[in-house]
C-alpha atoms as a PDB file:
ATOM      1  CA  MET A   1     167.738  74.749 124.478  1.00  0.00           C
ATOM      2  CA  SER A   2     169.595  72.713 127.089  1.00  0.00           C
ATOM      3  CA  LYS A   3     172.375  70.329 126.117  1.00  0.00           C
ATOM      4  CA  SER A   4     170.264  67.444 127.453  1.00  0.00           C
ATOM      5  CA  PRO A   5     166.751  68.390 126.339  1.00  0.00           C
ATOM      6  CA  THR A   6     163.710  67.165 128.179  1.00  0.00           C
ATOM      7  CA  ILE A   7     161.316  65.306 125.905  1.00  0.00           C
ATOM      8  CA  SER A   8     157.721  64.926 127.002  1.00  0.00           C
ATOM      9  CA  PHE A   9     155.057  62.631 125.571  1.00  0.00           C
ATOM     10  CA  ILE A  10     151.348  63.244 125.830  1.00  0.00           C
ATOM     11  CA  GLY A  11     149.948  59.786 125.225  1.00  0.00           C
ATOM     12  CA  ALA A  12     151.439  56.490 126.356  1.00  0.00           C
ATOM     13  CA  GLY A  13     150.351  54.069 123.653  1.00  0.00           C
ATOM     14  CA  ASN A  14     152.378  51.582 121.632  1.00  0.00           C
ATOM     15  CA  MET A  15     154.066  54.151 119.408  1.00  0.00           C
ATOM     16  CA  ALA A  16     155.081  56.385 122.311  1.00  0.00           C
ATOM     17  CA  SER A  17     156.483  53.346 124.103  1.00  0.00           C
ATOM     18  CA  ALA A  18     158.396  52.300 120.981  1.00  0.00           C
ATOM     19  CA  ILE A  19     159.958  55.758 120.653  1.00  0.00           C
ATOM     20  CA  ILE A  20     160.880  55.897 124.341  1.00  0.00           C
ATOM     21  CA  GLY A  21     162.419  52.424 124.205  1.00  0.00           C
ATOM     22  CA  GLY A  22     164.458  53.350 121.134  1.00  0.00           C
ATOM     23  CA  MET A  23     165.632  56.577 122.750  1.00  0.00           C
ATOM     24  CA  LEU A  24     166.801  54.794 125.877  1.00  0.00           C
ATOM     25  CA  ASP A  25     168.603  52.168 123.802  1.00  0.00           C
ATOM     26  CA  ASN A  26     170.444  54.969 122.017  1.00  0.00           C
ATOM     27  CA  GLY A  27     171.741  56.934 124.954  1.00  0.00           C
ATOM     28  CA  PHE A  28     168.859  59.188 126.008  1.00  0.00           C
ATOM     29  CA  GLN A  29     168.428  59.426 129.763  1.00  0.00           C
ATOM     30  CA  ALA A  30     165.199  58.352 131.452  1.00  0.00           C
ATOM     31  CA  ALA A  31     165.564  61.372 133.764  1.00  0.00           C
ATOM     32  CA  ASN A  32     164.948  63.625 130.739  1.00  0.00           C
ATOM     33  CA  ILE A  33     161.702  61.946 129.648  1.00  0.00           C
ATOM     34  CA  TRP A  34     158.182  62.700 130.862  1.00  0.00           C
ATOM     35  CA  VAL A  35     154.959  60.900 129.887  1.00  0.00           C
ATOM     36  CA  SER A  36     151.348  61.822 130.590  1.00  0.00           C
ATOM     37  CA  ALA A  37     148.133  59.843 130.130  1.00  0.00           C
ATOM     38  CA  PRO A  38     144.705  59.900 131.795  1.00  0.00           C
ATOM     39  CA  ASP A  39     145.056  56.437 133.357  1.00  0.00           C
ATOM     40  CA  ASP A  40     147.690  56.105 136.075  1.00  0.00           C
ATOM     41  CA  SER A  41     147.514  52.298 135.943  1.00  0.00           C
ATOM     42  CA  HIS A  42     148.707  52.536 132.335  1.00  0.00           C
ATOM     43  CA  LEU A  43     151.421  54.976 133.349  1.00  0.00           C
ATOM     44  CA  GLN A  44     152.589  52.563 136.036  1.00  0.00           C
ATOM     45  CA  SER A  45     153.580  50.033 133.391  1.00  0.00           C
ATOM     46  CA  VAL A  46     155.495  52.784 131.550  1.00  0.00           C
ATOM     47  CA  ARG A  47     157.296  53.744 134.771  1.00  0.00           C
ATOM     48  CA  ASN A  48     158.157  50.137 135.508  1.00  0.00           C
ATOM     49  CA  GLN A  49     159.376  49.404 132.002  1.00  0.00           C
ATOM     50  CA  PHE A  50     161.372  52.560 131.313  1.00  0.00           C
ATOM     51  CA  GLY A  51     161.985  54.364 134.599  1.00  0.00           C
ATOM     52  CA  VAL A  52     160.724  57.684 133.173  1.00  0.00           C
ATOM     53  CA  TYR A  53     158.701  60.361 134.933  1.00  0.00           C
ATOM     54  CA  THR A  54     154.934  60.155 134.557  1.00  0.00           C
ATOM     55  CA  THR A  55     151.915  62.276 135.371  1.00  0.00           C
ATOM     56  CA  THR A  56     148.191  62.390 134.626  1.00  0.00           C
ATOM     57  CA  ASP A  57     148.439  66.174 134.191  1.00  0.00           C
ATOM     58  CA  ASN A  58     149.026  67.062 130.514  1.00  0.00           C
ATOM     59  CA  ARG A  59     149.810  70.666 131.342  1.00  0.00           C
ATOM     60  CA  TYR A  60     152.502  69.725 133.844  1.00  0.00           C
ATOM     61  CA  CYS A  61     153.986  67.257 131.357  1.00  0.00           C
ATOM     62  CA  ALA A  62     154.041  69.926 128.636  1.00  0.00           C
ATOM     63  CA  GLU A  63     155.597  72.443 131.001  1.00  0.00           C
ATOM     64  CA  GLN A  64     158.709  70.243 131.408  1.00  0.00           C
ATOM     65  CA  ALA A  65     159.343  69.901 127.692  1.00  0.00           C
ATOM     66  CA  ASP A  66     161.972  71.236 125.331  1.00  0.00           C
ATOM     67  CA  MET A  67     160.366  68.877 122.812  1.00  0.00           C
ATOM     68  CA  LEU A  68     156.739  67.830 123.234  1.00  0.00           C
ATOM     69  CA  VAL A  69     155.520  64.746 121.360  1.00  0.00           C
ATOM     70  CA  LEU A  70     151.769  64.619 120.798  1.00  0.00           C
ATOM     71  CA  ALA A  71     151.064  60.883 120.658  1.00  0.00           C
ATOM     72  CA  VAL A  72     147.283  60.835 121.000  1.00  0.00           C
ATOM     73  CA  LYS A  73     144.581  59.791 118.570  1.00  0.00           C
ATOM     74  CA  PRO A  74     143.552  62.415 115.991  1.00  0.00           C
ATOM     75  CA  GLN A  75     139.996  62.402 117.335  1.00  0.00           C
ATOM     76  CA  VAL A  76     141.086  63.777 120.739  1.00  0.00           C
ATOM     77  CA  MET A  77     143.929  65.990 119.515  1.00  0.00           C
ATOM     78  CA  ALA A  78     141.875  69.200 119.504  1.00  0.00           C
ATOM     79  CA  ASP A  79     140.891  68.858 123.166  1.00  0.00           C
ATOM     80  CA  VAL A  80     144.438  67.932 124.194  1.00  0.00           C
ATOM     81  CA  CYS A  81     145.987  70.858 122.315  1.00  0.00           C
ATOM     82  CA  LYS A  82     143.509  73.417 123.558  1.00  0.00           C
ATOM     83  CA  GLY A  83     144.058  72.168 127.105  1.00  0.00           C
ATOM     84  CA  ILE A  84     147.830  72.734 127.010  1.00  0.00           C
ATOM     85  CA  ALA A  85     147.791  75.853 124.808  1.00  0.00           C
ATOM     86  CA  PRO A  86     148.358  78.351 127.670  1.00  0.00           C
ATOM     87  CA  VAL A  87     151.399  76.388 128.835  1.00  0.00           C
ATOM     88  CA  VAL A  88     153.103  75.938 125.464  1.00  0.00           C
ATOM     89  CA  GLN A  89     152.479  79.557 124.517  1.00  0.00           C
ATOM     90  CA  ASN A  90     154.516  80.455 127.578  1.00  0.00           C
ATOM     91  CA  THR A  91     157.293  77.821 127.322  1.00  0.00           C
ATOM     92  CA  ARG A  92     157.516  77.596 123.479  1.00  0.00           C
ATOM     93  CA  PRO A  93     158.707  73.977 123.115  1.00  0.00           C
ATOM     94  CA  LEU A  94     159.246  72.189 119.825  1.00  0.00           C
ATOM     95  CA  ILE A  95     155.973  70.388 119.055  1.00  0.00           C
ATOM     96  CA  VAL A  96     156.062  66.980 117.344  1.00  0.00           C
ATOM     97  CA  SER A  97     152.832  65.364 116.176  1.00  0.00           C
ATOM     98  CA  ILE A  98     152.623  61.709 115.172  1.00  0.00           C
ATOM     99  CA  ALA A  99     148.854  61.906 114.548  1.00  0.00           C
ATOM    100  CA  ALA A 100     147.804  60.904 111.046  1.00  0.00           C
ATOM    101  CA  GLY A 101     145.761  63.319 108.973  1.00  0.00           C
ATOM    102  CA  LEU A 102     146.022  66.500 111.038  1.00  0.00           C
ATOM    103  CA  THR A 103     147.969  69.293 109.350  1.00  0.00           C
ATOM    104  CA  ALA A 104     150.695  71.292 111.028  1.00  0.00           C
ATOM    105  CA  GLU A 105     148.634  74.454 110.583  1.00  0.00           C
ATOM    106  CA  THR A 106     145.594  72.929 112.301  1.00  0.00           C
ATOM    107  CA  ILE A 107     147.579  71.658 115.291  1.00  0.00           C
ATOM    108  CA  ASP A 108     149.454  74.943 115.627  1.00  0.00           C
ATOM    109  CA  GLU A 109     146.158  76.845 115.577  1.00  0.00           C
ATOM    110  CA  TRP A 110     144.767  74.666 118.390  1.00  0.00           C
ATOM    111  CA  LEU A 111     147.940  75.367 120.386  1.00  0.00           C
ATOM    112  CA  GLY A 112     147.563  79.124 120.003  1.00  0.00           C
ATOM    113  CA  GLY A 113     149.775  79.659 116.951  1.00  0.00           C
ATOM    114  CA  GLY A 114     153.360  80.546 116.143  1.00  0.00           C
ATOM    115  CA  LEU A 115     155.047  77.399 117.473  1.00  0.00           C
ATOM    116  CA  PRO A 116     157.817  75.317 115.868  1.00  0.00           C
ATOM    117  CA  LEU A 117     156.086  72.118 114.801  1.00  0.00           C
ATOM    118  CA  VAL A 118     157.121  68.887 113.108  1.00  0.00           C
ATOM    119  CA  ARG A 119     154.708  66.329 111.693  1.00  0.00           C
ATOM    120  CA  VAL A 120     155.914  62.740 111.674  1.00  0.00           C
ATOM    121  CA  MET A 121     154.362  59.789 109.869  1.00  0.00           C
ATOM    122  CA  PRO A 122     155.849  56.704 111.562  1.00  0.00           C
ATOM    123  CA  ASN A 123     154.883  53.093 110.872  1.00  0.00           C
ATOM    124  CA  THR A 124     154.303  49.947 112.887  1.00  0.00           C
ATOM    125  CA  PRO A 125     157.774  48.371 112.388  1.00  0.00           C
ATOM    126  CA  SER A 126     158.927  51.193 114.688  1.00  0.00           C
ATOM    127  CA  LEU A 127     157.730  48.846 117.437  1.00  0.00           C
ATOM    128  CA  VAL A 128     160.700  46.573 116.654  1.00  0.00           C
ATOM    129  CA  GLY A 129     163.215  49.318 115.850  1.00  0.00           C
ATOM    130  CA  LYS A 130     162.792  49.008 112.074  1.00  0.00           C
ATOM    131  CA  GLY A 131     160.526  51.951 111.392  1.00  0.00           C
ATOM    132  CA  ALA A 132     160.382  54.201 108.359  1.00  0.00           C
ATOM    133  CA  ALA A 133     159.173  57.731 109.145  1.00  0.00           C
ATOM    134  CA  GLY A 134     158.506  60.778 107.001  1.00  0.00           C
ATOM    135  CA  LEU A 135     159.037  64.171 108.668  1.00  0.00           C
ATOM    136  CA  PHE A 136     157.840  67.676 107.785  1.00  0.00           C
ATOM    137  CA  ALA A 137     158.835  70.868 109.634  1.00  0.00           C
ATOM    138  CA  ASN A 138     156.982  74.164 109.557  1.00  0.00           C
ATOM    139  CA  GLY A 139     158.855  77.407 109.021  1.00  0.00           C
ATOM    140  CA  SER A 140     159.443  78.031 112.726  1.00  0.00           C
ATOM    141  CA  VAL A 141     161.589  74.919 113.282  1.00  0.00           C
ATOM    142  CA  SER A 142     165.330  75.573 113.641  1.00  0.00           C
ATOM    143  CA  GLY A 143     168.130  73.439 112.271  1.00  0.00           C
ATOM    144  CA  ASP A 144     169.037  72.236 115.762  1.00  0.00           C
ATOM    145  CA  GLN A 145     165.435  71.256 116.408  1.00  0.00           C
ATOM    146  CA  LYS A 146     165.281  69.298 113.146  1.00  0.00           C
ATOM    147  CA  THR A 147     168.431  67.459 114.183  1.00  0.00           C
ATOM    148  CA  MET A 148     166.900  66.595 117.548  1.00  0.00           C
ATOM    149  CA  VAL A 149     163.728  65.201 115.971  1.00  0.00           C
ATOM    150  CA  GLN A 150     165.694  63.192 113.440  1.00  0.00           C
ATOM    151  CA  THR A 151     167.893  61.746 116.186  1.00  0.00           C
ATOM    152  CA  VAL A 152     164.836  60.644 118.149  1.00  0.00           C
ATOM    153  CA  PHE A 153     163.146  58.936 115.217  1.00  0.00           C
ATOM    154  CA  GLU A 154     166.346  57.386 113.912  1.00  0.00           C
ATOM    155  CA  SER A 155     166.475  55.578 117.257  1.00  0.00           C
ATOM    156  CA  ILE A 156     163.564  53.434 115.983  1.00  0.00           C
ATOM    157  CA  GLY A 157     164.492  53.158 112.306  1.00  0.00           C
ATOM    158  CA  THR A 158     164.887  55.463 109.323  1.00  0.00           C
ATOM    159  CA  ALA A 159     163.699  59.098 109.368  1.00  0.00           C
ATOM    160  CA  LEU A 160     163.593  61.169 106.182  1.00  0.00           C
ATOM    161  CA  TRP A 161     162.430  64.751 105.613  1.00  0.00           C
ATOM    162  CA  VAL A 162     159.964  65.989 103.001  1.00  0.00           C
ATOM    163  CA  ASN A 163     159.868  69.663 102.062  1.00  0.00           C
ATOM    164  CA  ASN A 164     156.143  69.869 101.309  1.00  0.00           C
ATOM    165  CA  GLU A 165     153.505  68.833 103.820  1.00  0.00           C
ATOM    166  CA  ASN A 166     151.301  67.355 101.094  1.00  0.00           C
ATOM    167  CA  LEU A 167     154.017  64.746 100.581  1.00  0.00           C
ATOM    168  CA  ILE A 168     153.062  63.273 103.964  1.00  0.00           C
ATOM    169  CA  HIS A 169     150.153  61.693 102.046  1.00  0.00           C
ATOM    170  CA  SER A 170     152.728  60.055  99.775  1.00  0.00           C
ATOM    171  CA  VAL A 171     154.650  58.797 102.810  1.00  0.00           C
ATOM    172  CA  THR A 172     151.432  57.451 104.321  1.00  0.00           C
ATOM    173  CA  ALA A 173     150.641  55.446 101.186  1.00  0.00           C
ATOM    174  CA  LEU A 174     154.209  54.110 101.004  1.00  0.00           C
ATOM    175  CA  SER A 175     155.710  53.403 104.425  1.00  0.00           C
ATOM    176  CA  GLY A 176     152.692  54.142 106.615  1.00  0.00           C
ATOM    177  CA  SER A 177     150.443  51.554 104.968  1.00  0.00           C
ATOM    178  CA  GLY A 178     153.297  49.627 103.372  1.00  0.00           C
ATOM    179  CA  PRO A 179     153.892  46.985 106.074  1.00  0.00           C
ATOM    180  CA  ALA A 180     150.450  45.548 105.317  1.00  0.00           C
ATOM    181  CA  TYR A 181     151.374  45.228 101.626  1.00  0.00           C
ATOM    182  CA  PHE A 182     154.316  43.013 102.538  1.00  0.00           C
ATOM    183  CA  PHE A 183     152.268  41.048 105.063  1.00  0.00           C
ATOM    184  CA  LEU A 184     149.816  40.326 102.244  1.00  0.00           C
ATOM    185  CA  MET A 185     152.685  39.023 100.108  1.00  0.00           C
ATOM    186  CA  LEU A 186     153.860  36.842 102.998  1.00  0.00           C
ATOM    187  CA  GLU A 187     150.333  35.527 103.461  1.00  0.00           C
ATOM    188  CA  ALA A 188     150.010  34.679  99.767  1.00  0.00           C
ATOM    189  CA  LEU A 189     153.421  33.003  99.572  1.00  0.00           C
ATOM    190  CA  GLU A 190     152.767  30.942 102.688  1.00  0.00           C
ATOM    191  CA  SER A 191     149.433  29.808 101.319  1.00  0.00           C
ATOM    192  CA  ALA A 192     150.890  28.825  97.943  1.00  0.00           C
ATOM    193  CA  ALA A 193     153.808  26.946  99.504  1.00  0.00           C
ATOM    194  CA  THR A 194     151.510  25.140 101.938  1.00  0.00           C
ATOM    195  CA  GLU A 195     149.300  24.015  99.064  1.00  0.00           C
ATOM    196  CA  ALA A 196     152.474  22.691  97.400  1.00  0.00           C
ATOM    197  CA  GLY A 197     153.150  20.487 100.417  1.00  0.00           C
ATOM    198  CA  LEU A 198     155.265  22.462 102.897  1.00  0.00           C
ATOM    199  CA  GLU A 199     154.248  22.602 106.539  1.00  0.00           C
ATOM    200  CA  PRO A 200     152.677  26.019 107.290  1.00  0.00           C
ATOM    201  CA  ALA A 201     155.310  26.886 109.915  1.00  0.00           C
ATOM    202  CA  THR A 202     158.113  25.992 107.524  1.00  0.00           C
ATOM    203  CA  ALA A 203     156.549  27.963 104.696  1.00  0.00           C
ATOM    204  CA  ARG A 204     156.087  31.000 106.936  1.00  0.00           C
ATOM    205  CA  MET A 205     159.642  31.016 108.264  1.00  0.00           C
ATOM    206  CA  LEU A 206     161.163  30.569 104.816  1.00  0.00           C
ATOM    207  CA  ALA A 207     158.979  33.362 103.430  1.00  0.00           C
ATOM    208  CA  ILE A 208     159.819  35.720 106.302  1.00  0.00           C
ATOM    209  CA  GLN A 209     163.543  35.077 106.064  1.00  0.00           C
ATOM    210  CA  THR A 210     163.458  35.475 102.291  1.00  0.00           C
ATOM    211  CA  MET A 211     161.751  38.854 102.624  1.00  0.00           C
ATOM    212  CA  ALA A 212     164.131  39.968 105.385  1.00  0.00           C
ATOM    213  CA  GLY A 213     167.146  38.870 103.359  1.00  0.00           C
ATOM    214  CA  ALA A 214     165.925  40.602 100.212  1.00  0.00           C
ATOM    215  CA  ALA A 215     165.347  43.831 102.164  1.00  0.00           C
ATOM    216  CA  GLU A 216     168.831  43.629 103.682  1.00  0.00           C
ATOM    217  CA  MET A 217     170.379  43.072 100.251  1.00  0.00           C
ATOM    218  CA  ALA A 218     168.455  46.020  98.792  1.00  0.00           C
ATOM    219  CA  ALA A 219     169.476  48.280 101.679  1.00  0.00           C
ATOM    220  CA  GLY A 220     173.151  47.403 101.328  1.00  0.00           C
ATOM    221  CA  SER A 221     173.454  47.285  97.553  1.00  0.00           C
ATOM    222  CA  GLU A 222     174.553  49.968  95.112  1.00  0.00           C
ATOM    223  CA  HIS A 223     172.205  48.448  92.526  1.00  0.00           C
ATOM    224  CA  GLU A 224     168.586  49.423  91.921  1.00  0.00           C
ATOM    225  CA  PRO A 225     165.871  46.836  92.678  1.00  0.00           C
ATOM    226  CA  ALA A 226     165.466  46.102  88.974  1.00  0.00           C
ATOM    227  CA  GLN A 227     169.084  44.959  88.748  1.00  0.00           C
ATOM    228  CA  LEU A 228     168.857  42.955  91.949  1.00  0.00           C
ATOM    229  CA  LYS A 229     165.828  41.203  90.476  1.00  0.00           C
ATOM    230  CA  ARG A 230     167.733  40.414  87.284  1.00  0.00           C
ATOM    231  CA  ASN A 231     170.615  39.040  89.346  1.00  0.00           C
ATOM    232  CA  VAL A 232     168.301  36.341  90.733  1.00  0.00           C
ATOM    233  CA  MET A 233     166.904  35.405  87.327  1.00  0.00           C
ATOM    234  CA  SER A 234     168.526  32.857  85.045  1.00  0.00           C
ATOM    235  CA  PRO A 235     167.365  32.583  81.415  1.00  0.00           C
ATOM    236  CA  GLY A 236     164.691  29.940  81.196  1.00  0.00           C
ATOM    237  CA  GLY A 237     164.798  29.350  84.966  1.00  0.00           C
ATOM    238  CA  THR A 238     162.233  29.233  87.742  1.00  0.00           C
ATOM    239  CA  THR A 239     162.581  32.864  88.812  1.00  0.00           C
ATOM    240  CA  GLU A 240     162.209  34.185  85.265  1.00  0.00           C
ATOM    241  CA  ARG A 241     159.000  32.208  84.819  1.00  0.00           C
ATOM    242  CA  ALA A 242     157.606  33.481  88.128  1.00  0.00           C
ATOM    243  CA  ILE A 243     158.506  37.109  87.360  1.00  0.00           C
ATOM    244  CA  ASN A 244     156.989  36.841  83.886  1.00  0.00           C
ATOM    245  CA  THR A 245     153.803  35.534  85.485  1.00  0.00           C
ATOM    246  CA  PHE A 246     153.691  38.531  87.840  1.00  0.00           C
ATOM    247  CA  GLU A 247     154.252  40.934  84.936  1.00  0.00           C
ATOM    248  CA  GLU A 248     151.660  39.290  82.698  1.00  0.00           C
ATOM    249  CA  GLY A 249     149.176  39.397  85.556  1.00  0.00           C
ATOM    250  CA  GLY A 250     149.520  43.173  85.834  1.00  0.00           C
ATOM    251  CA  MET A 251     151.272  43.285  89.212  1.00  0.00           C
ATOM    252  CA  ARG A 252     152.871  46.692  88.593  1.00  0.00           C
ATOM    253  CA  ASN A 253     149.538  48.255  87.706  1.00  0.00           C
ATOM    254  CA  LEU A 254     147.851  46.636  90.690  1.00  0.00           C
ATOM    255  CA  VAL A 255     150.530  47.980  93.056  1.00  0.00           C
ATOM    256  CA  LYS A 256     150.102  51.455  91.545  1.00  0.00           C
ATOM    257  CA  LYS A 257     146.312  51.260  91.973  1.00  0.00           C
ATOM    258  CA  ALA A 258     146.682  50.158  95.586  1.00  0.00           C
ATOM    259  CA  TYR A 259     149.182  52.936  96.328  1.00  0.00           C
ATOM    260  CA  ASP A 260     146.916  55.546  94.702  1.00  0.00           C
ATOM    261  CA  ALA A 261     143.944  54.270  96.708  1.00  0.00           C
ATOM    262  CA  ALA A 262     145.860  54.688  99.970  1.00  0.00           C
ATOM    263  CA  PHE A 263     147.088  58.141  98.891  1.00  0.00           C
ATOM    264  CA  GLU A 264     143.550  59.296  98.070  1.00  0.00           C
ATOM    265  CA  ARG A 265     142.186  57.917 101.332  1.00  0.00           C
ATOM    266  CA  SER A 266     144.875  59.767 103.287  1.00  0.00           C
ATOM    267  CA  GLN A 267     143.736  63.016 101.665  1.00  0.00           C
ATOM    268  CA  GLU A 268     140.082  62.220 102.395  1.00  0.00           C
ATOM    269  CA  MET A 269     140.792  61.424 106.041  1.00  0.00           C
ATOM    270  CA  SER A 270     142.679  64.674 106.484  1.00  0.00           C
ATOM    271  CA  LYS A 271     139.688  66.621 105.206  1.00  0.00           C
ATOM    272  CA  GLU A 272     137.240  64.574 107.303  1.00  0.00           C
ATOM    273  CA  LEU A 273     139.234  65.247 110.477  1.00  0.00           C
ATOM    274  CA  ALA A 274     139.431  68.971 109.712  1.00  0.00           C
ATOM    275  CA  ASP A 275     135.683  69.139 109.040  1.00  0.00           C
ATOM    276  CA  LYS A 276     134.809  67.375 112.322  1.00  0.00           C
ATOM    277  CA  GLN A 277     136.701  69.805 114.556  1.00  0.00           C
END
């Protein structure tokens, strides 16, 4: 593999754009990035924003790649893979899929088999450089290739490996769906504070900053969340009463039920996608 690998993207949606933007912000060169999509008017905005190479020809885009990122919807992945299979069987790039639900084995089969392939489960905060991604590599991926993938996805947040592909379902239920869990908490806090008399905009900004500050403290602390929680609580104080109310209301069990529901749905969707192809 070249010292400055060429990274190609098939698909030019929000997640592909987020990854490209993060790469460029972290020292990758636009001259080493290719993007393909069916609509050239969409590609024009990508060219204007990032200065990368673009094409409507998926095969030509794949042919340039040392690392090929498949950033299309799961429902069209089979057609895309089968269309570029002759090319990638000849050039043997590292394949990276960010499509939810489709297994590494299924994608590799559509591409003709025997390719190094990494599955990535990113999340929407990647769009602002604060993503949390789970990564799984099949047995054909080299150490250098794993490093390259990790470098790319660390340009838009945190990227952590799992050693069993089934754990991607766990990642999906945690960080994949997780942003919505916190948005729900923000929504509930804003509503409660507004009912208590705060202006909605004030309530929202205080809630957002409180959540951001708590996350920053957790990320930078040597203490577990349980200890950080105790550090905020004073005996007989406001925080203790609020936390006791959460506990008495079964919040832990509700979070576990919600997580399990997302985990089970991830498994179901994977099977549904496989059955439809």
